[in-house]
Amino acid sequence: MNINYKYTILSIGIITTIIIFVADFLIMPFYVRHGQGGYMVNVKGKQLDYALDILSSEGHKGVVSDTLFSSAFKPGIVIDQYPSTKMKVKKGRTVRLTISNAERSVIVPDLIGRSQRSAELDIRQVGLEIDTVYKEYNSDVPPGNVTWQYPKGGDMLSRGMGVHLTISLGVPPNFFQAPNVFGLSKKKALLEIEKSGFSLGKVYYRQNEDLIPYTVLDQSLKPGTVLEQAVKIDLTISVLDMQDIFNNIID
């Protein structure tokens, strides 16, 4: 689009605005003062069809010029009009009406387990807002992820309304959560155990041909268990045959 065309469109818009202004505020008042006219009838608060009938009976023509999404009014109610009831008009005047419409509703996304950043992006993407964000210690959900939301995922909520979130702070301070070391080598399992504040207890060996040799088959403390004091975690390690078991016992 070239510059001349843009200026042409802009000029047309300005001229149209000026014409409407002159017609409404200069020509029409002059026209009314020099002829038969009366105060504009009030149709605010009326259902649209009823308002149009009233205007028609007064010799006017009603047109919907704007719609306002609001929960304060029932859908289809006239909430504003122009000319207003304080203005004198002649018969045949076009009356511009603003009517109410139900607020647009959207589906609340399911945010449980999502990171806070991801949850906030999803909420805003559907036209909702973040309301209150709570924080709580939760050993079942990684730190920074959503543990609770209101309204829940799948509920309908008016566009622009807020969603409440609770974000996990992880394991409470001075508490210990057992790691999951299943399938790890003995060396890696020991590192995970010590990193979590626990220590290695007894090591058992069991013949198993389904897993890679010398990996963890079982652990004495269920993964995710939260304790106030650290304990020793016993491990069961897989071996191929009885000779391996004997060799590890000797070692």
C-alpha atoms as a PDB file:
ATOM      1  CA  MET A   1       0.000   0.000   0.000  1.00  0.00           C
ATOM      2  CA  ASN A   2       1.593   3.313  -1.108  1.00  0.00           C
ATOM      3  CA  ILE A   3       1.715   6.500   0.986  1.00  0.00           C
ATOM      4  CA  ASN A   4      -0.784   8.411  -1.185  1.00  0.00           C
ATOM      5  CA  TYR A   5      -3.362   5.648  -0.751  1.00  0.00           C
ATOM      6  CA  LYS A   6      -2.888   5.676   3.029  1.00  0.00           C
ATOM      7  CA  TYR A   7      -3.374   9.460   3.132  1.00  0.00           C
ATOM      8  CA  THR A   8      -6.508   9.122   0.975  1.00  0.00           C
ATOM      9  CA  ILE A   9      -8.047   6.556   3.386  1.00  0.00           C
ATOM     10  CA  LEU A  10      -7.102   8.716   6.379  1.00  0.00           C
ATOM     11  CA  SER A  11      -8.612  11.800   4.758  1.00  0.00           C
ATOM     12  CA  ILE A  12     -11.879   9.994   4.025  1.00  0.00           C
ATOM     13  CA  GLY A  13     -12.081   8.852   7.669  1.00  0.00           C
ATOM     14  CA  ILE A  14     -11.495  12.378   8.976  1.00  0.00           C
ATOM     15  CA  ILE A  15     -14.050  13.884   6.592  1.00  0.00           C
ATOM     16  CA  THR A  16     -16.654  11.244   7.575  1.00  0.00           C
ATOM     17  CA  THR A  17     -16.117  11.982  11.278  1.00  0.00           C
ATOM     18  CA  ILE A  18     -16.512  15.707  10.658  1.00  0.00           C
ATOM     19  CA  ILE A  19     -19.730  15.164   8.701  1.00  0.00           C
ATOM     20  CA  ILE A  20     -21.245  13.050  11.509  1.00  0.00           C
ATOM     21  CA  PHE A  21     -20.223  15.633  14.104  1.00  0.00           C
ATOM     22  CA  VAL A  22     -21.699  18.505  12.116  1.00  0.00           C
ATOM     23  CA  ALA A  23     -24.912  16.562  11.461  1.00  0.00           C
ATOM     24  CA  ASP A  24     -25.423  15.576  15.100  1.00  0.00           C
ATOM     25  CA  PHE A  25     -24.357  18.705  16.906  1.00  0.00           C
ATOM     26  CA  LEU A  26     -25.016  21.564  14.464  1.00  0.00           C
ATOM     27  CA  ILE A  27     -27.502  20.697  11.733  1.00  0.00           C
ATOM     28  CA  MET A  28     -29.890  18.506  13.756  1.00  0.00           C
ATOM     29  CA  PRO A  29     -30.252  20.937  16.718  1.00  0.00           C
ATOM     30  CA  PHE A  30     -30.866  23.791  14.237  1.00  0.00           C
ATOM     31  CA  TYR A  31     -33.355  21.633  12.358  1.00  0.00           C
ATOM     32  CA  VAL A  32     -35.225  20.766  15.548  1.00  0.00           C
ATOM     33  CA  ARG A  33     -35.393  24.363  16.758  1.00  0.00           C
ATOM     34  CA  HIS A  34     -37.042  25.396  13.482  1.00  0.00           C
ATOM     35  CA  GLY A  35     -39.594  22.630  13.314  1.00  0.00           C
ATOM     36  CA  GLN A  36     -41.720  20.254  15.321  1.00  0.00           C
ATOM     37  CA  GLY A  37     -39.697  18.131  17.770  1.00  0.00           C
ATOM     38  CA  GLY A  38     -39.648  16.728  21.258  1.00  0.00           C
ATOM     39  CA  TYR A  39     -37.411  15.091  23.791  1.00  0.00           C
ATOM     40  CA  MET A  40     -36.021  11.688  22.867  1.00  0.00           C
ATOM     41  CA  VAL A  41     -37.874   8.770  24.422  1.00  0.00           C
ATOM     42  CA  ASN A  42     -35.906   6.691  26.941  1.00  0.00           C
ATOM     43  CA  VAL A  43     -35.409   3.047  25.922  1.00  0.00           C
ATOM     44  CA  LYS A  44     -32.483   2.215  28.229  1.00  0.00           C
ATOM     45  CA  GLY A  45     -33.090  -0.915  30.293  1.00  0.00           C
ATOM     46  CA  LYS A  46     -35.533  -2.297  27.703  1.00  0.00           C
ATOM     47  CA  GLN A  47     -35.160  -5.484  25.690  1.00  0.00           C
ATOM     48  CA  LEU A  48     -33.936  -4.694  22.174  1.00  0.00           C
ATOM     49  CA  ASP A  49     -37.132  -5.754  20.358  1.00  0.00           C
ATOM     50  CA  TYR A  50     -39.304  -3.767  22.749  1.00  0.00           C
ATOM     51  CA  ALA A  51     -37.002  -0.734  22.464  1.00  0.00           C
ATOM     52  CA  LEU A  52     -37.193  -0.864  18.656  1.00  0.00           C
ATOM     53  CA  ASP A  53     -41.000  -0.998  18.839  1.00  0.00           C
ATOM     54  CA  ILE A  54     -41.069   2.043  21.138  1.00  0.00           C
ATOM     55  CA  LEU A  55     -38.779   4.014  18.841  1.00  0.00           C
ATOM     56  CA  SER A  56     -40.822   3.026  15.816  1.00  0.00           C
ATOM     57  CA  SER A  57     -44.048   4.151  17.512  1.00  0.00           C
ATOM     58  CA  GLU A  58     -42.374   7.526  18.142  1.00  0.00           C
ATOM     59  CA  GLY A  59     -41.441   7.808  14.496  1.00  0.00           C
ATOM     60  CA  HIS A  60     -37.747   6.984  14.968  1.00  0.00           C
ATOM     61  CA  LYS A  61     -35.488   4.230  13.691  1.00  0.00           C
ATOM     62  CA  GLY A  62     -33.347   2.284  16.137  1.00  0.00           C
ATOM     63  CA  VAL A  63     -30.085   0.633  15.085  1.00  0.00           C
ATOM     64  CA  VAL A  64     -27.567  -1.375  17.147  1.00  0.00           C
ATOM     65  CA  SER A  65     -24.238   0.433  16.936  1.00  0.00           C
ATOM     66  CA  ASP A  66     -22.305  -1.329  19.690  1.00  0.00           C
ATOM     67  CA  THR A  67     -22.314  -4.402  21.939  1.00  0.00           C
ATOM     68  CA  LEU A  68     -20.961  -4.581  25.484  1.00  0.00           C
ATOM     69  CA  PHE A  69     -20.047  -7.948  27.002  1.00  0.00           C
ATOM     70  CA  SER A  70     -21.124  -7.787  30.638  1.00  0.00           C
ATOM     71  CA  SER A  71     -22.505  -9.980  33.419  1.00  0.00           C
ATOM     72  CA  ALA A  72     -24.295  -6.969  34.955  1.00  0.00           C
ATOM     73  CA  PHE A  73     -27.115  -7.101  32.390  1.00  0.00           C
ATOM     74  CA  LYS A  74     -29.152  -9.810  30.744  1.00  0.00           C
ATOM     75  CA  PRO A  75     -28.279 -10.338  27.055  1.00  0.00           C
ATOM     76  CA  GLY A  76     -30.118  -8.045  24.629  1.00  0.00           C
ATOM     77  CA  ILE A  77     -30.755  -5.162  27.044  1.00  0.00           C
ATOM     78  CA  VAL A  78     -30.284  -1.573  25.822  1.00  0.00           C
ATOM     79  CA  ILE A  79     -27.663  -0.032  28.109  1.00  0.00           C
ATOM     80  CA  ASP A  80     -27.054   3.211  26.229  1.00  0.00           C
ATOM     81  CA  GLN A  81     -28.584   5.279  23.457  1.00  0.00           C
ATOM     82  CA  TYR A  82     -27.795   8.303  21.310  1.00  0.00           C
ATOM     83  CA  PRO A  83     -29.468  10.794  21.131  1.00  0.00           C
ATOM     84  CA  SER A  84     -30.016  10.716  24.890  1.00  0.00           C
ATOM     85  CA  THR A  85     -33.312  11.464  26.626  1.00  0.00           C
ATOM     86  CA  LYS A  86     -32.185  15.054  27.351  1.00  0.00           C
ATOM     87  CA  MET A  87     -31.959  15.923  23.661  1.00  0.00           C
ATOM     88  CA  LYS A  88     -34.751  17.292  21.466  1.00  0.00           C
ATOM     89  CA  VAL A  89     -35.194  15.489  18.152  1.00  0.00           C
ATOM     90  CA  LYS A  90     -37.553  15.456  15.198  1.00  0.00           C
ATOM     91  CA  LYS A  91     -39.417  12.409  13.991  1.00  0.00           C
ATOM     92  CA  GLY A  92     -37.468  10.175  11.666  1.00  0.00           C
ATOM     93  CA  ARG A  93     -34.266  10.380  13.714  1.00  0.00           C
ATOM     94  CA  THR A  94     -31.944   7.351  13.716  1.00  0.00           C
ATOM     95  CA  VAL A  95     -31.201   6.300  17.297  1.00  0.00           C
ATOM     96  CA  ARG A  96     -27.963   4.401  17.891  1.00  0.00           C
ATOM     97  CA  LEU A  97     -28.226   1.763  20.608  1.00  0.00           C
ATOM     98  CA  THR A  98     -25.649  -0.088  22.710  1.00  0.00           C
ATOM     99  CA  ILE A  99     -26.886  -3.479  23.877  1.00  0.00           C
ATOM    100  CA  SER A 100     -25.556  -6.007  26.368  1.00  0.00           C
ATOM    101  CA  ASN A 101     -24.361  -9.485  25.539  1.00  0.00           C
ATOM    102  CA  ALA A 102     -23.384 -12.412  27.729  1.00  0.00           C
ATOM    103  CA  GLU A 103     -19.727 -12.537  28.645  1.00  0.00           C
ATOM    104  CA  ARG A 104     -17.740 -14.929  26.500  1.00  0.00           C
ATOM    105  CA  SER A 105     -16.832 -18.104  28.369  1.00  0.00           C
ATOM    106  CA  VAL A 106     -13.749 -20.248  27.821  1.00  0.00           C
ATOM    107  CA  ILE A 107     -12.651 -23.684  29.000  1.00  0.00           C
ATOM    108  CA  VAL A 108     -10.198 -23.569  31.908  1.00  0.00           C
ATOM    109  CA  PRO A 109      -7.067 -25.578  30.964  1.00  0.00           C
ATOM    110  CA  ASP A 110      -5.884 -28.445  33.169  1.00  0.00           C
ATOM    111  CA  LEU A 111      -2.721 -27.132  34.848  1.00  0.00           C
ATOM    112  CA  ILE A 112      -1.956 -29.770  37.498  1.00  0.00           C
ATOM    113  CA  GLY A 113       1.677 -30.862  37.298  1.00  0.00           C
ATOM    114  CA  ARG A 114       2.621 -28.091  34.864  1.00  0.00           C
ATOM    115  CA  SER A 115       5.393 -25.615  35.600  1.00  0.00           C
ATOM    116  CA  GLN A 116       4.224 -22.216  36.849  1.00  0.00           C
ATOM    117  CA  ARG A 117       5.547 -20.485  33.726  1.00  0.00           C
ATOM    118  CA  SER A 118       3.768 -22.929  31.397  1.00  0.00           C
ATOM    119  CA  ALA A 119       0.527 -22.647  33.402  1.00  0.00           C
ATOM    120  CA  GLU A 120       0.568 -18.846  33.255  1.00  0.00           C
ATOM    121  CA  LEU A 121       1.119 -18.888  29.479  1.00  0.00           C
ATOM    122  CA  ASP A 122      -1.780 -21.310  28.945  1.00  0.00           C
ATOM    123  CA  ILE A 123      -4.106 -19.254  31.159  1.00  0.00           C
ATOM    124  CA  ARG A 124      -3.422 -16.013  29.301  1.00  0.00           C
ATOM    125  CA  GLN A 125      -3.584 -17.719  25.901  1.00  0.00           C
ATOM    126  CA  VAL A 126      -7.267 -18.611  26.422  1.00  0.00           C
ATOM    127  CA  GLY A 127      -8.118 -15.096  27.654  1.00  0.00           C
ATOM    128  CA  LEU A 128      -8.030 -15.654  31.414  1.00  0.00           C
ATOM    129  CA  GLU A 129      -5.874 -14.014  34.091  1.00  0.00           C
ATOM    130  CA  ILE A 130      -3.781 -15.170  37.050  1.00  0.00           C
ATOM    131  CA  ASP A 131      -5.553 -14.397  40.315  1.00  0.00           C
ATOM    132  CA  THR A 132      -3.904 -15.637  43.529  1.00  0.00           C
ATOM    133  CA  VAL A 133      -0.752 -17.788  43.562  1.00  0.00           C
ATOM    134  CA  TYR A 134      -0.196 -19.802  46.732  1.00  0.00           C
ATOM    135  CA  LYS A 135       2.940 -21.735  47.705  1.00  0.00           C
ATOM    136  CA  GLU A 136       3.091 -24.982  49.683  1.00  0.00           C
ATOM    137  CA  TYR A 137       5.526 -27.760  50.497  1.00  0.00           C
ATOM    138  CA  ASN A 138       4.601 -30.884  48.562  1.00  0.00           C
ATOM    139  CA  SER A 139       6.821 -33.933  48.351  1.00  0.00           C
ATOM    140  CA  ASP A 140       4.766 -35.469  45.512  1.00  0.00           C
ATOM    141  CA  VAL A 141       5.163 -32.591  43.052  1.00  0.00           C
ATOM    142  CA  PRO A 142       8.501 -31.123  41.889  1.00  0.00           C
ATOM    143  CA  PRO A 143       9.293 -27.578  43.036  1.00  0.00           C
ATOM    144  CA  GLY A 144       7.779 -24.888  40.796  1.00  0.00           C
ATOM    145  CA  ASN A 145       4.936 -27.059  39.480  1.00  0.00           C
ATOM    146  CA  VAL A 146       1.185 -26.648  39.999  1.00  0.00           C
ATOM    147  CA  THR A 147      -0.357 -28.788  42.759  1.00  0.00           C
ATOM    148  CA  TRP A 148      -3.870 -27.248  42.801  1.00  0.00           C
ATOM    149  CA  GLN A 149      -6.022 -24.909  40.750  1.00  0.00           C
ATOM    150  CA  TYR A 150      -9.435 -23.253  40.982  1.00  0.00           C
ATOM    151  CA  PRO A 151     -11.545 -23.454  38.908  1.00  0.00           C
ATOM    152  CA  LYS A 152     -10.463 -26.951  37.923  1.00  0.00           C
ATOM    153  CA  GLY A 153      -9.520 -27.953  34.396  1.00  0.00           C
ATOM    154  CA  GLY A 154     -12.496 -28.351  32.070  1.00  0.00           C
ATOM    155  CA  ASP A 155     -14.739 -25.847  33.892  1.00  0.00           C
ATOM    156  CA  MET A 156     -16.162 -22.843  32.019  1.00  0.00           C
ATOM    157  CA  LEU A 157     -15.095 -19.357  33.065  1.00  0.00           C
ATOM    158  CA  SER A 158     -15.897 -15.905  31.684  1.00  0.00           C
ATOM    159  CA  ARG A 159     -13.105 -14.417  29.606  1.00  0.00           C
ATOM    160  CA  GLY A 160     -10.969 -12.043  31.676  1.00  0.00           C
ATOM    161  CA  MET A 161     -11.673 -13.785  34.999  1.00  0.00           C
ATOM    162  CA  GLY A 162      -8.889 -15.094  37.252  1.00  0.00           C
ATOM    163  CA  VAL A 163      -7.579 -18.576  38.066  1.00  0.00           C
ATOM    164  CA  HIS A 164      -6.121 -19.452  41.493  1.00  0.00           C
ATOM    165  CA  LEU A 165      -2.972 -21.615  41.610  1.00  0.00           C
ATOM    166  CA  THR A 166      -0.925 -23.401  44.251  1.00  0.00           C
ATOM    167  CA  ILE A 167       2.738 -24.005  43.415  1.00  0.00           C
ATOM    168  CA  SER A 168       4.896 -26.711  44.989  1.00  0.00           C
ATOM    169  CA  LEU A 169       7.937 -25.776  47.062  1.00  0.00           C
ATOM    170  CA  GLY A 170       9.084 -29.396  47.004  1.00  0.00           C
ATOM    171  CA  VAL A 171      10.076 -31.380  50.070  1.00  0.00           C
ATOM    172  CA  PRO A 172       9.779 -29.443  53.352  1.00  0.00           C
ATOM    173  CA  PRO A 173      13.075 -28.231  54.831  1.00  0.00           C
ATOM    174  CA  ASN A 174      14.874 -30.659  57.169  1.00  0.00           C
ATOM    175  CA  PHE A 175      12.978 -33.553  55.630  1.00  0.00           C
ATOM    176  CA  PHE A 176      14.399 -36.338  53.498  1.00  0.00           C
ATOM    177  CA  GLN A 177      12.770 -37.925  50.442  1.00  0.00           C
ATOM    178  CA  ALA A 178      13.890 -41.347  49.258  1.00  0.00           C
ATOM    179  CA  PRO A 179      15.157 -41.386  45.661  1.00  0.00           C
ATOM    180  CA  ASN A 180      14.166 -43.918  43.029  1.00  0.00           C
ATOM    181  CA  VAL A 181      17.295 -45.905  42.140  1.00  0.00           C
ATOM    182  CA  PHE A 182      15.647 -48.835  40.343  1.00  0.00           C
ATOM    183  CA  GLY A 183      17.631 -49.876  37.254  1.00  0.00           C
ATOM    184  CA  LEU A 184      20.693 -47.800  38.191  1.00  0.00           C
ATOM    185  CA  SER A 185      24.130 -49.249  38.589  1.00  0.00           C
ATOM    186  CA  LYS A 186      25.337 -49.737  42.143  1.00  0.00           C
ATOM    187  CA  LYS A 187      27.698 -46.752  41.789  1.00  0.00           C
ATOM    188  CA  LYS A 188      25.016 -44.369  40.441  1.00  0.00           C
ATOM    189  CA  ALA A 189      22.511 -45.592  43.020  1.00  0.00           C
ATOM    190  CA  LEU A 190      24.973 -44.800  45.803  1.00  0.00           C
ATOM    191  CA  LEU A 191      25.436 -41.266  44.442  1.00  0.00           C
ATOM    192  CA  GLU A 192      21.653 -40.671  44.356  1.00  0.00           C
ATOM    193  CA  ILE A 193      21.221 -42.053  47.868  1.00  0.00           C
ATOM    194  CA  GLU A 194      23.911 -39.811  49.309  1.00  0.00           C
ATOM    195  CA  LYS A 195      22.680 -36.771  47.350  1.00  0.00           C
ATOM    196  CA  SER A 196      19.274 -37.221  48.990  1.00  0.00           C
ATOM    197  CA  GLY A 197      20.846 -37.260  52.455  1.00  0.00           C
ATOM    198  CA  PHE A 198      20.586 -41.003  53.043  1.00  0.00           C
ATOM    199  CA  SER A 199      23.331 -43.601  53.344  1.00  0.00           C
ATOM    200  CA  LEU A 200      23.813 -47.060  51.874  1.00  0.00           C
ATOM    201  CA  GLY A 201      22.811 -49.977  54.054  1.00  0.00           C
ATOM    202  CA  LYS A 202      23.141 -53.662  53.249  1.00  0.00           C
ATOM    203  CA  VAL A 203      23.594 -54.876  49.666  1.00  0.00           C
ATOM    204  CA  TYR A 204      21.945 -58.091  48.552  1.00  0.00           C
ATOM    205  CA  TYR A 205      22.327 -59.969  45.268  1.00  0.00           C
ATOM    206  CA  ARG A 206      19.682 -61.838  43.333  1.00  0.00           C
ATOM    207  CA  GLN A 207      19.860 -63.767  40.105  1.00  0.00           C
ATOM    208  CA  ASN A 208      17.883 -62.033  37.359  1.00  0.00           C
ATOM    209  CA  GLU A 209      18.221 -62.425  33.606  1.00  0.00           C
ATOM    210  CA  ASP A 210      15.728 -59.686  32.657  1.00  0.00           C
ATOM    211  CA  LEU A 211      17.797 -56.716  33.796  1.00  0.00           C
ATOM    212  CA  ILE A 212      21.304 -55.597  32.993  1.00  0.00           C
ATOM    213  CA  PRO A 213      23.696 -57.255  35.459  1.00  0.00           C
ATOM    214  CA  TYR A 214      24.751 -55.290  38.525  1.00  0.00           C
ATOM    215  CA  THR A 215      21.798 -52.880  38.442  1.00  0.00           C
ATOM    216  CA  VAL A 216      19.319 -52.207  41.261  1.00  0.00           C
ATOM    217  CA  LEU A 217      16.396 -54.639  41.448  1.00  0.00           C
ATOM    218  CA  ASP A 218      14.866 -53.317  44.649  1.00  0.00           C
ATOM    219  CA  GLN A 219      15.383 -50.889  47.525  1.00  0.00           C
ATOM    220  CA  SER A 220      14.317 -51.110  51.144  1.00  0.00           C
ATOM    221  CA  LEU A 221      12.695 -47.647  51.251  1.00  0.00           C
ATOM    222  CA  LYS A 222       9.879 -46.903  48.815  1.00  0.00           C
ATOM    223  CA  PRO A 223      10.787 -44.088  46.363  1.00  0.00           C
ATOM    224  CA  GLY A 224       9.222 -40.778  47.361  1.00  0.00           C
ATOM    225  CA  THR A 225       8.948 -41.651  51.050  1.00  0.00           C
ATOM    226  CA  VAL A 226       9.471 -38.532  53.204  1.00  0.00           C
ATOM    227  CA  LEU A 227      11.152 -38.902  56.601  1.00  0.00           C
ATOM    228  CA  GLU A 228      12.162 -36.468  59.303  1.00  0.00           C
ATOM    229  CA  GLN A 229      15.440 -38.318  59.777  1.00  0.00           C
ATOM    230  CA  ALA A 230      17.701 -39.968  57.211  1.00  0.00           C
ATOM    231  CA  VAL A 231      18.118 -43.752  57.390  1.00  0.00           C
ATOM    232  CA  LYS A 232      20.143 -46.392  55.593  1.00  0.00           C
ATOM    233  CA  ILE A 233      18.705 -47.758  52.359  1.00  0.00           C
ATOM    234  CA  ASP A 234      19.350 -51.420  51.542  1.00  0.00           C
ATOM    235  CA  LEU A 235      19.725 -52.428  47.893  1.00  0.00           C
ATOM    236  CA  THR A 236      19.170 -55.625  45.944  1.00  0.00           C
ATOM    237  CA  ILE A 237      21.467 -55.928  42.913  1.00  0.00           C
ATOM    238  CA  SER A 238      20.894 -58.184  39.890  1.00  0.00           C
ATOM    239  CA  VAL A 239      23.480 -60.807  38.843  1.00  0.00           C
ATOM    240  CA  LEU A 240      23.523 -63.392  36.076  1.00  0.00           C
ATOM    241  CA  ASP A 241      24.131 -66.600  38.048  1.00  0.00           C
ATOM    242  CA  MET A 242      24.954 -68.063  41.424  1.00  0.00           C
ATOM    243  CA  GLN A 243      28.687 -67.784  40.811  1.00  0.00           C
ATOM    244  CA  ASP A 244      28.295 -63.991  40.560  1.00  0.00           C
ATOM    245  CA  ILE A 245      26.468 -63.993  43.869  1.00  0.00           C
ATOM    246  CA  PHE A 246      29.236 -66.025  45.476  1.00  0.00           C
ATOM    247  CA  ASN A 247      31.939 -63.754  44.038  1.00  0.00           C
ATOM    248  CA  ASN A 248      30.213 -60.590  45.325  1.00  0.00           C
ATOM    249  CA  ILE A 249      29.754 -62.099  48.774  1.00  0.00           C
ATOM    250  CA  ILE A 250      33.453 -62.989  48.878  1.00  0.00           C
ATOM    251  CA  ASP A 251      34.363 -59.464  47.739  1.00  0.00           C
END
